[in-house]
Amino acid sequence: MHRYLERFSDAVDVIAGLLLGLCTLLIVVSTVGRYVFSWAIPDSFDLSRYLIGACIMWGFASLGYRGGHIAVDLLYEPLGPRGRRVLDFIAWALLLAFTAMLAYMMFFRLTGAYRSNEATFDLRIPVWPLVGLIWLGCASAVVTTAVVPFVRGKHEETNPLEGHGV
């Protein structure tokens, strides 16, 4: 199971990286075209904002697997191993609830964009595939956030250099 989850997470990382590269390329080419050649790429603003949303959601899915969420060391460090497990459980449960609600709401945004034939401003490109890409990132985040606490066998030890400016 761990091997499949690792492959899934690697695929999520590749998708997030490709989306980020595509978004960066689109923004750079659009900016150079606008200020150097006085010619803008049609729909570059709409496409770039949807791609940024997709990058964030696919990165969020990677975060769900890697467990790199923000930890408040002031509370976490003084706790013993049992207290840390309890705090980790609460953190993962809250993250899972938030991610599930976000995916649920994004699904309704996706169906609304599909039903209303929402399109970009210049070229009238349908936006539902881009919103679907964002929703897939949310759904992937739900999967990684829900599965990871059960796959990790034991509580990971804290790095002894963590919290000391290293």
C-alpha atoms as a PDB file:
ATOM      1  CA  MET A   1       0.000   0.000   0.000  1.00  0.00           C
ATOM      2  CA  HIS A   2       2.832   2.360   0.880  1.00  0.00           C
ATOM      3  CA  ARG A   3       4.429   1.799  -2.534  1.00  0.00           C
ATOM      4  CA  TYR A   4       1.196   2.682  -4.368  1.00  0.00           C
ATOM      5  CA  LEU A   5       0.701   5.779  -2.272  1.00  0.00           C
ATOM      6  CA  GLU A   6       4.294   6.816  -2.969  1.00  0.00           C
ATOM      7  CA  ARG A   7       3.713   6.393  -6.724  1.00  0.00           C
ATOM      8  CA  PHE A   8       0.465   8.351  -6.492  1.00  0.00           C
ATOM      9  CA  SER A   9       2.249  11.115  -4.596  1.00  0.00           C
ATOM     10  CA  ASP A  10       5.062  11.167  -7.157  1.00  0.00           C
ATOM     11  CA  ALA A  11       2.472  11.526  -9.938  1.00  0.00           C
ATOM     12  CA  VAL A  12       0.803  14.346  -7.998  1.00  0.00           C
ATOM     13  CA  ASP A  13       4.187  16.074  -7.650  1.00  0.00           C
ATOM     14  CA  VAL A  14       4.864  15.740 -11.389  1.00  0.00           C
ATOM     15  CA  ILE A  15       1.439  17.153 -12.265  1.00  0.00           C
ATOM     16  CA  ALA A  16       1.903  20.056  -9.828  1.00  0.00           C
ATOM     17  CA  GLY A  17       5.354  20.769 -11.260  1.00  0.00           C
ATOM     18  CA  LEU A  18       4.134  20.674 -14.860  1.00  0.00           C
ATOM     19  CA  LEU A  19       1.231  22.980 -14.051  1.00  0.00           C
ATOM     20  CA  LEU A  20       3.549  25.391 -12.255  1.00  0.00           C
ATOM     21  CA  GLY A  21       5.958  25.381 -15.205  1.00  0.00           C
ATOM     22  CA  LEU A  22       3.119  25.948 -17.682  1.00  0.00           C
ATOM     23  CA  CYS A  23       1.702  28.761 -15.577  1.00  0.00           C
ATOM     24  CA  THR A  24       5.124  30.418 -15.238  1.00  0.00           C
ATOM     25  CA  LEU A  25       5.749  30.131 -18.966  1.00  0.00           C
ATOM     26  CA  LEU A  26       2.359  31.615 -19.793  1.00  0.00           C
ATOM     27  CA  ILE A  27       2.869  34.560 -17.445  1.00  0.00           C
ATOM     28  CA  VAL A  28       6.414  35.282 -18.667  1.00  0.00           C
ATOM     29  CA  VAL A  29       5.483  35.063 -22.363  1.00  0.00           C
ATOM     30  CA  SER A  30       2.400  37.202 -21.799  1.00  0.00           C
ATOM     31  CA  THR A  31       4.383  39.832 -19.900  1.00  0.00           C
ATOM     32  CA  VAL A  32       7.161  39.960 -22.483  1.00  0.00           C
ATOM     33  CA  GLY A  33       4.614  40.099 -25.283  1.00  0.00           C
ATOM     34  CA  ARG A  34       2.684  42.898 -23.620  1.00  0.00           C
ATOM     35  CA  TYR A  35       5.612  45.135 -22.696  1.00  0.00           C
ATOM     36  CA  VAL A  36       8.106  44.384 -25.469  1.00  0.00           C
ATOM     37  CA  PHE A  37       5.896  43.718 -28.481  1.00  0.00           C
ATOM     38  CA  SER A  38       2.696  45.504 -27.371  1.00  0.00           C
ATOM     39  CA  TRP A  39       0.774  42.320 -28.003  1.00  0.00           C
ATOM     40  CA  ALA A  40      -0.985  40.325 -25.308  1.00  0.00           C
ATOM     41  CA  ILE A  41      -1.794  36.647 -25.439  1.00  0.00           C
ATOM     42  CA  PRO A  42      -5.585  36.289 -25.551  1.00  0.00           C
ATOM     43  CA  ASP A  43      -7.068  34.910 -22.314  1.00  0.00           C
ATOM     44  CA  SER A  44      -3.671  34.783 -20.616  1.00  0.00           C
ATOM     45  CA  PHE A  45      -5.134  36.288 -17.446  1.00  0.00           C
ATOM     46  CA  ASP A  46      -8.022  33.835 -17.229  1.00  0.00           C
ATOM     47  CA  LEU A  47      -5.846  30.834 -18.081  1.00  0.00           C
ATOM     48  CA  SER A  48      -3.096  31.827 -15.660  1.00  0.00           C
ATOM     49  CA  ARG A  49      -5.460  32.299 -12.718  1.00  0.00           C
ATOM     50  CA  TYR A  50      -7.067  28.899 -13.286  1.00  0.00           C
ATOM     51  CA  LEU A  51      -3.624  27.319 -13.641  1.00  0.00           C
ATOM     52  CA  ILE A  52      -2.465  28.967 -10.410  1.00  0.00           C
ATOM     53  CA  GLY A  53      -5.540  27.528  -8.676  1.00  0.00           C
ATOM     54  CA  ALA A  54      -4.713  24.094 -10.064  1.00  0.00           C
ATOM     55  CA  CYS A  55      -1.073  24.452  -8.917  1.00  0.00           C
ATOM     56  CA  ILE A  56      -2.218  25.294  -5.405  1.00  0.00           C
ATOM     57  CA  MET A  57      -4.627  22.373  -5.197  1.00  0.00           C
ATOM     58  CA  TRP A  58      -2.192  19.809  -6.597  1.00  0.00           C
ATOM     59  CA  GLY A  59       0.471  21.165  -4.245  1.00  0.00           C
ATOM     60  CA  PHE A  60      -2.062  20.787  -1.432  1.00  0.00           C
ATOM     61  CA  ALA A  61      -2.435  17.135  -2.403  1.00  0.00           C
ATOM     62  CA  SER A  62       1.321  16.709  -2.172  1.00  0.00           C
ATOM     63  CA  LEU A  63       1.282  18.410   1.228  1.00  0.00           C
ATOM     64  CA  GLY A  64      -1.337  15.912   2.383  1.00  0.00           C
ATOM     65  CA  TYR A  65       1.068  13.071   1.673  1.00  0.00           C
ATOM     66  CA  ARG A  66       4.323  14.658   2.774  1.00  0.00           C
ATOM     67  CA  GLY A  67       2.864  16.060   5.987  1.00  0.00           C
ATOM     68  CA  GLY A  68       4.611  19.396   5.599  1.00  0.00           C
ATOM     69  CA  HIS A  69       1.858  21.425   7.184  1.00  0.00           C
ATOM     70  CA  ILE A  70       2.620  24.178   9.653  1.00  0.00           C
ATOM     71  CA  ALA A  71       3.295  23.042  13.205  1.00  0.00           C
ATOM     72  CA  VAL A  72       3.244  25.360  16.189  1.00  0.00           C
ATOM     73  CA  ASP A  73       6.368  24.308  18.046  1.00  0.00           C
ATOM     74  CA  LEU A  74       5.374  26.259  21.153  1.00  0.00           C
ATOM     75  CA  LEU A  75       2.610  23.710  21.745  1.00  0.00           C
ATOM     76  CA  TYR A  76       4.145  20.673  20.077  1.00  0.00           C
ATOM     77  CA  GLU A  77       7.668  20.588  21.536  1.00  0.00           C
ATOM     78  CA  PRO A  78       6.782  20.427  25.264  1.00  0.00           C
ATOM     79  CA  LEU A  79       4.392  17.514  24.718  1.00  0.00           C
ATOM     80  CA  GLY A  80       5.522  13.957  25.193  1.00  0.00           C
ATOM     81  CA  PRO A  81       5.104  11.258  22.543  1.00  0.00           C
ATOM     82  CA  ARG A  82       1.495  10.541  23.494  1.00  0.00           C
ATOM     83  CA  GLY A  83       0.542  14.232  23.484  1.00  0.00           C
ATOM     84  CA  ARG A  84       2.200  14.673  20.103  1.00  0.00           C
ATOM     85  CA  ARG A  85       0.211  11.761  18.683  1.00  0.00           C
ATOM     86  CA  VAL A  86      -3.005  13.294  19.992  1.00  0.00           C
ATOM     87  CA  LEU A  87      -2.101  16.701  18.563  1.00  0.00           C
ATOM     88  CA  ASP A  88      -1.125  15.097  15.241  1.00  0.00           C
ATOM     89  CA  PHE A  89      -4.452  13.260  15.146  1.00  0.00           C
ATOM     90  CA  ILE A  90      -6.366  16.494  15.793  1.00  0.00           C
ATOM     91  CA  ALA A  91      -4.331  18.308  13.115  1.00  0.00           C
ATOM     92  CA  TRP A  92      -4.875  15.555  10.532  1.00  0.00           C
ATOM     93  CA  ALA A  93      -8.590  15.338  11.352  1.00  0.00           C
ATOM     94  CA  LEU A  94      -9.033  19.102  10.927  1.00  0.00           C
ATOM     95  CA  LEU A  95      -6.994  19.074   7.711  1.00  0.00           C
ATOM     96  CA  LEU A  96      -9.076  16.193   6.361  1.00  0.00           C
ATOM     97  CA  ALA A  97     -12.351  17.926   7.257  1.00  0.00           C
ATOM     98  CA  PHE A  98     -11.238  21.159   5.609  1.00  0.00           C
ATOM     99  CA  THR A  99      -9.973  19.359   2.507  1.00  0.00           C
ATOM    100  CA  ALA A 100     -13.142  17.295   2.159  1.00  0.00           C
ATOM    101  CA  MET A 101     -15.343  20.393   2.443  1.00  0.00           C
ATOM    102  CA  LEU A 102     -13.179  22.221  -0.085  1.00  0.00           C
ATOM    103  CA  ALA A 103     -13.420  19.335  -2.559  1.00  0.00           C
ATOM    104  CA  TYR A 104     -17.170  19.132  -1.979  1.00  0.00           C
ATOM    105  CA  MET A 105     -17.640  22.828  -2.735  1.00  0.00           C
ATOM    106  CA  MET A 106     -15.272  22.715  -5.721  1.00  0.00           C
ATOM    107  CA  PHE A 107     -17.378  19.925  -7.184  1.00  0.00           C
ATOM    108  CA  PHE A 108     -20.399  22.238  -7.154  1.00  0.00           C
ATOM    109  CA  ARG A 109     -18.268  24.978  -8.734  1.00  0.00           C
ATOM    110  CA  LEU A 110     -17.292  22.484 -11.448  1.00  0.00           C
ATOM    111  CA  THR A 111     -20.862  21.418 -12.178  1.00  0.00           C
ATOM    112  CA  GLY A 112     -21.988  25.056 -12.154  1.00  0.00           C
ATOM    113  CA  ALA A 113     -19.298  26.038 -14.675  1.00  0.00           C
ATOM    114  CA  TYR A 114     -20.271  23.093 -16.881  1.00  0.00           C
ATOM    115  CA  ARG A 115     -24.016  23.761 -16.778  1.00  0.00           C
ATOM    116  CA  SER A 116     -23.709  27.507 -17.342  1.00  0.00           C
ATOM    117  CA  ASN A 117     -21.283  27.148 -20.266  1.00  0.00           C
ATOM    118  CA  GLU A 118     -18.907  29.552 -18.505  1.00  0.00           C
ATOM    119  CA  ALA A 119     -16.080  30.549 -20.843  1.00  0.00           C
ATOM    120  CA  THR A 120     -13.005  32.747 -20.935  1.00  0.00           C
ATOM    121  CA  PHE A 121     -13.368  36.358 -21.991  1.00  0.00           C
ATOM    122  CA  ASP A 122     -11.439  36.583 -25.278  1.00  0.00           C
ATOM    123  CA  LEU A 123     -11.486  33.194 -26.977  1.00  0.00           C
ATOM    124  CA  ARG A 124     -14.595  31.806 -25.227  1.00  0.00           C
ATOM    125  CA  ILE A 125     -12.745  28.673 -24.112  1.00  0.00           C
ATOM    126  CA  PRO A 126     -14.923  26.605 -21.730  1.00  0.00           C
ATOM    127  CA  VAL A 127     -13.527  26.860 -18.204  1.00  0.00           C
ATOM    128  CA  TRP A 128     -15.009  23.662 -16.799  1.00  0.00           C
ATOM    129  CA  PRO A 129     -11.952  21.543 -17.768  1.00  0.00           C
ATOM    130  CA  LEU A 130      -9.712  23.959 -15.852  1.00  0.00           C
ATOM    131  CA  VAL A 131     -12.054  23.963 -12.865  1.00  0.00           C
ATOM    132  CA  GLY A 132     -12.105  20.162 -13.173  1.00  0.00           C
ATOM    133  CA  LEU A 133      -8.323  20.149 -12.944  1.00  0.00           C
ATOM    134  CA  ILE A 134      -8.585  22.188  -9.742  1.00  0.00           C
ATOM    135  CA  TRP A 135     -11.237  19.789  -8.394  1.00  0.00           C
ATOM    136  CA  LEU A 136      -9.056  16.761  -9.211  1.00  0.00           C
ATOM    137  CA  GLY A 137      -6.293  18.363  -7.150  1.00  0.00           C
ATOM    138  CA  CYS A 138      -8.760  18.798  -4.262  1.00  0.00           C
ATOM    139  CA  ALA A 139      -9.915  15.194  -4.588  1.00  0.00           C
ATOM    140  CA  SER A 140      -6.296  14.007  -4.630  1.00  0.00           C
ATOM    141  CA  ALA A 141      -5.672  16.043  -1.482  1.00  0.00           C
ATOM    142  CA  VAL A 142      -8.588  14.275   0.217  1.00  0.00           C
ATOM    143  CA  VAL A 143      -7.135  10.882  -0.744  1.00  0.00           C
ATOM    144  CA  THR A 144      -3.619  11.672   0.447  1.00  0.00           C
ATOM    145  CA  THR A 145      -4.810  13.329   3.650  1.00  0.00           C
ATOM    146  CA  ALA A 146      -7.198  10.478   4.482  1.00  0.00           C
ATOM    147  CA  VAL A 147      -4.801   7.611   3.775  1.00  0.00           C
ATOM    148  CA  VAL A 148      -1.444   8.829   5.086  1.00  0.00           C
ATOM    149  CA  PRO A 149      -2.134   8.651   8.846  1.00  0.00           C
ATOM    150  CA  PHE A 150      -3.057   4.977   8.464  1.00  0.00           C
ATOM    151  CA  VAL A 151      -0.101   4.109   6.255  1.00  0.00           C
ATOM    152  CA  ARG A 152       2.535   5.601   8.545  1.00  0.00           C
ATOM    153  CA  GLY A 153       3.217   2.884  11.055  1.00  0.00           C
ATOM    154  CA  LYS A 154       4.818   4.719  13.928  1.00  0.00           C
ATOM    155  CA  HIS A 155       5.130   8.294  15.064  1.00  0.00           C
ATOM    156  CA  GLU A 156       8.044   9.977  13.322  1.00  0.00           C
ATOM    157  CA  GLU A 157      10.798  11.263  15.549  1.00  0.00           C
ATOM    158  CA  THR A 158      11.384  14.991  15.633  1.00  0.00           C
ATOM    159  CA  ASN A 159      14.638  16.156  14.122  1.00  0.00           C
ATOM    160  CA  PRO A 160      16.872  17.143  17.064  1.00  0.00           C
ATOM    161  CA  LEU A 161      18.115  20.209  15.158  1.00  0.00           C
ATOM    162  CA  GLU A 162      14.574  21.418  14.453  1.00  0.00           C
ATOM    163  CA  GLY A 163      13.637  24.549  16.343  1.00  0.00           C
ATOM    164  CA  HIS A 164      17.230  25.587  16.974  1.00  0.00           C
ATOM    165  CA  GLY A 165      17.732  27.775  13.916  1.00  0.00           C
ATOM    166  CA  VAL A 166      19.249  24.982  11.847  1.00  0.00           C
END
